[in-house]
Amino acid sequence: MSEEVKLLRVLQERTGLNDANFARLLGVSKAALCRIFGGKTRMGAKTWRGLLRAFPNEADIVMIARALRDG
């Protein structure tokens, strides 16, 4: 499991939301979120922006995760 998927799962667990509602919170489709969770695609800019918008208190963690992913 990639680090970005781990981050998403931790944040999802904190909210207690199912996949559909978590995707809505992030502003992405459930299908897009499922593709990320399944490792078929990586998080795009829209998902990263959604994370920052939905979790402003976690902005430092989100930015570190993105920096590590992008190398």
PDB file of N, CA and C in Angstrom:
ATOM      1  N   MET A   1       0.853  -1.174   0.000  1.00  0.00           N
ATOM      2  CA  MET A   1       0.000   0.000   0.000  1.00  0.00           C
ATOM      3  C   MET A   1       0.900   1.237   0.000  1.00  0.00           C
ATOM      4  N   SER A   2       0.612   2.165  -0.895  1.00  0.00           N
ATOM      5  CA  SER A   2       1.443   3.363  -1.006  1.00  0.00           C
ATOM      6  C   SER A   2       1.217   4.281   0.190  1.00  0.00           C
ATOM      7  N   GLU A   3       2.160   5.188   0.387  1.00  0.00           N
ATOM      8  CA  GLU A   3       2.058   6.135   1.491  1.00  0.00           C
ATOM      9  C   GLU A   3       0.850   7.052   1.326  1.00  0.00           C
ATOM     10  N   GLU A   4       0.545   7.439   0.078  1.00  0.00           N
ATOM     11  CA  GLU A   4      -0.603   8.326  -0.108  1.00  0.00           C
ATOM     12  C   GLU A   4      -1.912   7.600   0.203  1.00  0.00           C
ATOM     13  N   VAL A   5      -1.984   6.326  -0.103  1.00  0.00           N
ATOM     14  CA  VAL A   5      -3.187   5.556   0.239  1.00  0.00           C
ATOM     15  C   VAL A   5      -3.284   5.414   1.762  1.00  0.00           C
ATOM     16  N   LYS A   6      -2.165   5.189   2.416  1.00  0.00           N
ATOM     17  CA  LYS A   6      -2.167   5.113   3.881  1.00  0.00           C
ATOM     18  C   LYS A   6      -2.668   6.421   4.481  1.00  0.00           C
ATOM     19  N   LEU A   7      -2.200   7.543   3.934  1.00  0.00           N
ATOM     20  CA  LEU A   7      -2.645   8.849   4.410  1.00  0.00           C
ATOM     21  C   LEU A   7      -4.152   9.007   4.227  1.00  0.00           C
ATOM     22  N   LEU A   8      -4.638   8.666   3.036  1.00  0.00           N
ATOM     23  CA  LEU A   8      -6.074   8.756   2.781  1.00  0.00           C
ATOM     24  C   LEU A   8      -6.874   7.891   3.752  1.00  0.00           C
ATOM     25  N   ARG A   9      -6.418   6.680   3.972  1.00  0.00           N
ATOM     26  CA  ARG A   9      -7.144   5.755   4.859  1.00  0.00           C
ATOM     27  C   ARG A   9      -7.168   6.275   6.303  1.00  0.00           C
ATOM     28  N   VAL A  10      -6.063   6.832   6.765  1.00  0.00           N
ATOM     29  CA  VAL A  10      -6.029   7.377   8.126  1.00  0.00           C
ATOM     30  C   VAL A  10      -7.009   8.538   8.247  1.00  0.00           C
ATOM     31  N   LEU A  11      -6.986   9.438   7.265  1.00  0.00           N
ATOM     32  CA  LEU A  11      -7.889  10.584   7.315  1.00  0.00           C
ATOM     33  C   LEU A  11      -9.347  10.147   7.168  1.00  0.00           C
ATOM     34  N   GLN A  12      -9.586   9.157   6.331  1.00  0.00           N
ATOM     35  CA  GLN A  12     -10.948   8.642   6.182  1.00  0.00           C
ATOM     36  C   GLN A  12     -11.423   8.029   7.496  1.00  0.00           C
ATOM     37  N   GLU A  13     -10.555   7.291   8.133  1.00  0.00           N
ATOM     38  CA  GLU A  13     -10.917   6.661   9.406  1.00  0.00           C
ATOM     39  C   GLU A  13     -11.264   7.717  10.457  1.00  0.00           C
ATOM     40  N   ARG A  14     -10.517   8.824  10.458  1.00  0.00           N
ATOM     41  CA  ARG A  14     -10.794   9.901  11.417  1.00  0.00           C
ATOM     42  C   ARG A  14     -12.185  10.490  11.215  1.00  0.00           C
ATOM     43  N   THR A  15     -12.606  10.569   9.961  1.00  0.00           N
ATOM     44  CA  THR A  15     -13.913  11.158   9.672  1.00  0.00           C
ATOM     45  C   THR A  15     -15.043  10.166   9.895  1.00  0.00           C
ATOM     46  N   GLY A  16     -14.740   8.878   9.803  1.00  0.00           N
ATOM     47  CA  GLY A  16     -15.770   7.860   9.931  1.00  0.00           C
ATOM     48  C   GLY A  16     -16.674   7.756   8.714  1.00  0.00           C
ATOM     49  N   LEU A  17     -16.243   8.323   7.594  1.00  0.00           N
ATOM     50  CA  LEU A  17     -17.053   8.318   6.376  1.00  0.00           C
ATOM     51  C   LEU A  17     -16.786   7.085   5.525  1.00  0.00           C
ATOM     52  N   ASN A  18     -17.808   6.652   4.802  1.00  0.00           N
ATOM     53  CA  ASN A  18     -17.612   5.569   3.838  1.00  0.00           C
ATOM     54  C   ASN A  18     -16.929   6.146   2.592  1.00  0.00           C
ATOM     55  N   ASP A  19     -16.593   5.292   1.640  1.00  0.00           N
ATOM     56  CA  ASP A  19     -15.858   5.739   0.453  1.00  0.00           C
ATOM     57  C   ASP A  19     -16.606   6.821  -0.323  1.00  0.00           C
ATOM     58  N   ALA A  20     -17.905   6.649  -0.503  1.00  0.00           N
ATOM     59  CA  ALA A  20     -18.684   7.613  -1.290  1.00  0.00           C
ATOM     60  C   ALA A  20     -18.697   8.990  -0.625  1.00  0.00           C
ATOM     61  N   ASN A  21     -18.920   9.031   0.666  1.00  0.00           N
ATOM     62  CA  ASN A  21     -18.972  10.312   1.366  1.00  0.00           C
ATOM     63  C   ASN A  21     -17.599  10.936   1.528  1.00  0.00           C
ATOM     64  N   PHE A  22     -16.576  10.111   1.684  1.00  0.00           N
ATOM     65  CA  PHE A  22     -15.207  10.638   1.766  1.00  0.00           C
ATOM     66  C   PHE A  22     -14.808  11.235   0.424  1.00  0.00           C
ATOM     67  N   ALA A  23     -15.145  10.563  -0.660  1.00  0.00           N
ATOM     68  CA  ALA A  23     -14.861  11.095  -1.997  1.00  0.00           C
ATOM     69  C   ALA A  23     -15.561  12.438  -2.184  1.00  0.00           C
ATOM     70  N   ARG A  24     -16.816  12.527  -1.760  1.00  0.00           N
ATOM     71  CA  ARG A  24     -17.576  13.775  -1.862  1.00  0.00           C
ATOM     72  C   ARG A  24     -16.889  14.879  -1.064  1.00  0.00           C
ATOM     73  N   LEU A  25     -16.412  14.566   0.136  1.00  0.00           N
ATOM     74  CA  LEU A  25     -15.700  15.533   0.962  1.00  0.00           C
ATOM     75  C   LEU A  25     -14.469  16.073   0.239  1.00  0.00           C
ATOM     76  N   LEU A  26     -13.777  15.184  -0.480  1.00  0.00           N
ATOM     77  CA  LEU A  26     -12.564  15.581  -1.200  1.00  0.00           C
ATOM     78  C   LEU A  26     -12.858  16.248  -2.541  1.00  0.00           C
ATOM     79  N   GLY A  27     -14.095  16.120  -3.013  1.00  0.00           N
ATOM     80  CA  GLY A  27     -14.450  16.720  -4.292  1.00  0.00           C
ATOM     81  C   GLY A  27     -14.069  15.872  -5.488  1.00  0.00           C
ATOM     82  N   VAL A  28     -13.968  14.562  -5.279  1.00  0.00           N
ATOM     83  CA  VAL A  28     -13.661  13.635  -6.369  1.00  0.00           C
ATOM     84  C   VAL A  28     -14.753  12.580  -6.437  1.00  0.00           C
ATOM     85  N   SER A  29     -14.788  11.849  -7.518  1.00  0.00           N
ATOM     86  CA  SER A  29     -15.791  10.791  -7.644  1.00  0.00           C
ATOM     87  C   SER A  29     -15.392   9.579  -6.799  1.00  0.00           C
ATOM     88  N   LYS A  30     -16.382   8.790  -6.455  1.00  0.00           N
ATOM     89  CA  LYS A  30     -16.101   7.552  -5.722  1.00  0.00           C
ATOM     90  C   LYS A  30     -15.229   6.638  -6.574  1.00  0.00           C
ATOM     91  N   ALA A  31     -15.480   6.613  -7.883  1.00  0.00           N
ATOM     92  CA  ALA A  31     -14.680   5.771  -8.785  1.00  0.00           C
ATOM     93  C   ALA A  31     -13.210   6.189  -8.752  1.00  0.00           C
ATOM     94  N   ALA A  32     -12.960   7.498  -8.766  1.00  0.00           N
ATOM     95  CA  ALA A  32     -11.575   7.983  -8.721  1.00  0.00           C
ATOM     96  C   ALA A  32     -10.911   7.573  -7.412  1.00  0.00           C
ATOM     97  N   LEU A  33     -11.644   7.719  -6.315  1.00  0.00           N
ATOM     98  CA  LEU A  33     -11.088   7.343  -5.020  1.00  0.00           C
ATOM     99  C   LEU A  33     -10.801   5.842  -4.965  1.00  0.00           C
ATOM    100  N   CYS A  34     -11.697   5.041  -5.500  1.00  0.00           N
ATOM    101  CA  CYS A  34     -11.498   3.589  -5.516  1.00  0.00           C
ATOM    102  C   CYS A  34     -10.295   3.201  -6.372  1.00  0.00           C
ATOM    103  N   ARG A  35     -10.071   3.909  -7.469  1.00  0.00           N
ATOM    104  CA  ARG A  35      -8.884   3.636  -8.295  1.00  0.00           C
ATOM    105  C   ARG A  35      -7.603   3.951  -7.528  1.00  0.00           C
ATOM    106  N   ILE A  36      -7.633   5.016  -6.734  1.00  0.00           N
ATOM    107  CA  ILE A  36      -6.467   5.354  -5.910  1.00  0.00           C
ATOM    108  C   ILE A  36      -6.268   4.283  -4.848  1.00  0.00           C
ATOM    109  N   PHE A  37      -7.334   3.935  -4.144  1.00  0.00           N
ATOM    110  CA  PHE A  37      -7.231   2.903  -3.107  1.00  0.00           C
ATOM    111  C   PHE A  37      -6.763   1.572  -3.683  1.00  0.00           C
ATOM    112  N   GLY A  38      -7.169   1.262  -4.898  1.00  0.00           N
ATOM    113  CA  GLY A  38      -6.788   0.005  -5.527  1.00  0.00           C
ATOM    114  C   GLY A  38      -5.412   0.011  -6.173  1.00  0.00           C
ATOM    115  N   GLY A  39      -4.735   1.168  -6.143  1.00  0.00           N
ATOM    116  CA  GLY A  39      -3.395   1.264  -6.709  1.00  0.00           C
ATOM    117  C   GLY A  39      -3.371   1.368  -8.224  1.00  0.00           C
ATOM    118  N   LYS A  40      -4.509   1.626  -8.828  1.00  0.00           N
ATOM    119  CA  LYS A  40      -4.572   1.720 -10.290  1.00  0.00           C
ATOM    120  C   LYS A  40      -4.142   3.094 -10.786  1.00  0.00           C
ATOM    121  N   THR A  41      -4.233   4.095  -9.921  1.00  0.00           N
ATOM    122  CA  THR A  41      -3.816   5.446 -10.272  1.00  0.00           C
ATOM    123  C   THR A  41      -3.306   6.145  -9.025  1.00  0.00           C
ATOM    124  N   ARG A  42      -2.531   7.184  -9.249  1.00  0.00           N
ATOM    125  CA  ARG A  42      -2.022   7.974  -8.136  1.00  0.00           C
ATOM    126  C   ARG A  42      -2.924   9.184  -7.927  1.00  0.00           C
ATOM    127  N   MET A  43      -2.777   9.792  -6.796  1.00  0.00           N
ATOM    128  CA  MET A  43      -3.566  10.985  -6.513  1.00  0.00           C
ATOM    129  C   MET A  43      -3.150  12.115  -7.442  1.00  0.00           C
ATOM    130  N   GLY A  44      -4.135  12.775  -8.006  1.00  0.00           N
ATOM    131  CA  GLY A  44      -3.884  13.921  -8.858  1.00  0.00           C
ATOM    132  C   GLY A  44      -4.034  15.223  -8.091  1.00  0.00           C
ATOM    133  N   ALA A  45      -3.842  16.322  -8.789  1.00  0.00           N
ATOM    134  CA  ALA A  45      -3.906  17.646  -8.160  1.00  0.00           C
ATOM    135  C   ALA A  45      -5.257  17.900  -7.502  1.00  0.00           C
ATOM    136  N   LYS A  46      -6.329  17.451  -8.130  1.00  0.00           N
ATOM    137  CA  LYS A  46      -7.667  17.672  -7.575  1.00  0.00           C
ATOM    138  C   LYS A  46      -7.816  16.989  -6.219  1.00  0.00           C
ATOM    139  N   THR A  47      -7.295  15.788  -6.088  1.00  0.00           N
ATOM    140  CA  THR A  47      -7.381  15.062  -4.821  1.00  0.00           C
ATOM    141  C   THR A  47      -6.515  15.724  -3.760  1.00  0.00           C
ATOM    142  N   TRP A  48      -5.313  16.152  -4.136  1.00  0.00           N
ATOM    143  CA  TRP A  48      -4.442  16.847  -3.181  1.00  0.00           C
ATOM    144  C   TRP A  48      -5.100  18.136  -2.693  1.00  0.00           C
ATOM    145  N   ARG A  49      -5.691  18.912  -3.620  1.00  0.00           N
ATOM    146  CA  ARG A  49      -6.388  20.140  -3.229  1.00  0.00           C
ATOM    147  C   ARG A  49      -7.560  19.823  -2.307  1.00  0.00           C
ATOM    148  N   GLY A  50      -8.278  18.755  -2.615  1.00  0.00           N
ATOM    149  CA  GLY A  50      -9.399  18.351  -1.773  1.00  0.00           C
ATOM    150  C   GLY A  50      -8.959  17.993  -0.370  1.00  0.00           C
ATOM    151  N   LEU A  51      -7.832  17.319  -0.251  1.00  0.00           N
ATOM    152  CA  LEU A  51      -7.294  16.983   1.072  1.00  0.00           C
ATOM    153  C   LEU A  51      -6.960  18.241   1.857  1.00  0.00           C
ATOM    154  N   LEU A  52      -6.316  19.187   1.205  1.00  0.00           N
ATOM    155  CA  LEU A  52      -5.945  20.426   1.892  1.00  0.00           C
ATOM    156  C   LEU A  52      -7.180  21.223   2.312  1.00  0.00           C
ATOM    157  N   ARG A  53      -8.187  21.233   1.467  1.00  0.00           N
ATOM    158  CA  ARG A  53      -9.423  21.950   1.778  1.00  0.00           C
ATOM    159  C   ARG A  53     -10.185  21.251   2.920  1.00  0.00           C
ATOM    160  N   ALA A  54     -10.254  19.940   2.867  1.00  0.00           N
ATOM    161  CA  ALA A  54     -11.023  19.177   3.852  1.00  0.00           C
ATOM    162  C   ALA A  54     -10.303  19.042   5.201  1.00  0.00           C
ATOM    163  N   PHE A  55      -8.975  19.076   5.164  1.00  0.00           N
ATOM    164  CA  PHE A  55      -8.182  18.874   6.378  1.00  0.00           C
ATOM    165  C   PHE A  55      -7.133  19.971   6.530  1.00  0.00           C
ATOM    166  N   PRO A  56      -7.570  21.216   6.731  1.00  0.00           N
ATOM    167  CA  PRO A  56      -6.599  22.321   6.817  1.00  0.00           C
ATOM    168  C   PRO A  56      -5.628  22.177   7.989  1.00  0.00           C
ATOM    169  N   ASN A  57      -6.041  21.517   9.050  1.00  0.00           N
ATOM    170  CA  ASN A  57      -5.148  21.324  10.201  1.00  0.00           C
ATOM    171  C   ASN A  57      -4.081  20.266   9.938  1.00  0.00           C
ATOM    172  N   GLU A  58      -4.228  19.523   8.853  1.00  0.00           N
ATOM    173  CA  GLU A  58      -3.269  18.479   8.485  1.00  0.00           C
ATOM    174  C   GLU A  58      -2.443  18.895   7.272  1.00  0.00           C
ATOM    175  N   ALA A  59      -2.451  20.180   6.944  1.00  0.00           N
ATOM    176  CA  ALA A  59      -1.789  20.656   5.722  1.00  0.00           C
ATOM    177  C   ALA A  59      -0.308  20.278   5.683  1.00  0.00           C
ATOM    178  N   ASP A  60       0.375  20.350   6.818  1.00  0.00           N
ATOM    179  CA  ASP A  60       1.793  20.010   6.829  1.00  0.00           C
ATOM    180  C   ASP A  60       2.020  18.541   6.479  1.00  0.00           C
ATOM    181  N   ILE A  61       1.192  17.663   6.997  1.00  0.00           N
ATOM    182  CA  ILE A  61       1.318  16.233   6.699  1.00  0.00           C
ATOM    183  C   ILE A  61       1.005  15.959   5.230  1.00  0.00           C
ATOM    184  N   VAL A  62      -0.042  16.613   4.731  1.00  0.00           N
ATOM    185  CA  VAL A  62      -0.427  16.428   3.330  1.00  0.00           C
ATOM    186  C   VAL A  62       0.697  16.908   2.407  1.00  0.00           C
ATOM    187  N   MET A  63       1.275  18.055   2.698  1.00  0.00           N
ATOM    188  CA  MET A  63       2.340  18.594   1.846  1.00  0.00           C
ATOM    189  C   MET A  63       3.603  17.730   1.911  1.00  0.00           C
ATOM    190  N   ILE A  64       3.924  17.204   3.069  1.00  0.00           N
ATOM    191  CA  ILE A  64       5.087  16.313   3.204  1.00  0.00           C
ATOM    192  C   ILE A  64       4.850  15.050   2.406  1.00  0.00           C
ATOM    193  N   ALA A  65       3.657  14.480   2.504  1.00  0.00           N
ATOM    194  CA  ALA A  65       3.346  13.266   1.757  1.00  0.00           C
ATOM    195  C   ALA A  65       3.473  13.504   0.257  1.00  0.00           C
ATOM    196  N   ARG A  66       3.000  14.651  -0.212  1.00  0.00           N
ATOM    197  CA  ARG A  66       3.091  14.940  -1.645  1.00  0.00           C
ATOM    198  C   ARG A  66       4.549  15.132  -2.050  1.00  0.00           C
ATOM    199  N   ALA A  67       5.317  15.822  -1.238  1.00  0.00           N
ATOM    200  CA  ALA A  67       6.731  16.042  -1.556  1.00  0.00           C
ATOM    201  C   ALA A  67       7.489  14.713  -1.608  1.00  0.00           C
ATOM    202  N   LEU A  68       7.204  13.831  -0.674  1.00  0.00           N
ATOM    203  CA  LEU A  68       7.859  12.519  -0.677  1.00  0.00           C
ATOM    204  C   LEU A  68       7.477  11.716  -1.905  1.00  0.00           C
ATOM    205  N   ARG A  69       6.217  11.791  -2.303  1.00  0.00           N
ATOM    206  CA  ARG A  69       5.766  11.059  -3.481  1.00  0.00           C
ATOM    207  C   ARG A  69       6.436  11.588  -4.742  1.00  0.00           C
ATOM    208  N   ASP A  70       6.537  12.906  -4.837  1.00  0.00           N
ATOM    209  CA  ASP A  70       7.088  13.518  -6.045  1.00  0.00           C
ATOM    210  C   ASP A  70       8.607  13.496  -6.085  1.00  0.00           C
ATOM    211  N   GLY A  71       9.203  13.107  -4.961  1.00  0.00           N
ATOM    212  CA  GLY A  71      10.650  12.943  -4.904  1.00  0.00           C
ATOM    213  C   GLY A  71      11.367  14.217  -4.967  1.00  0.00           C
TER     214      GLY A  71
END
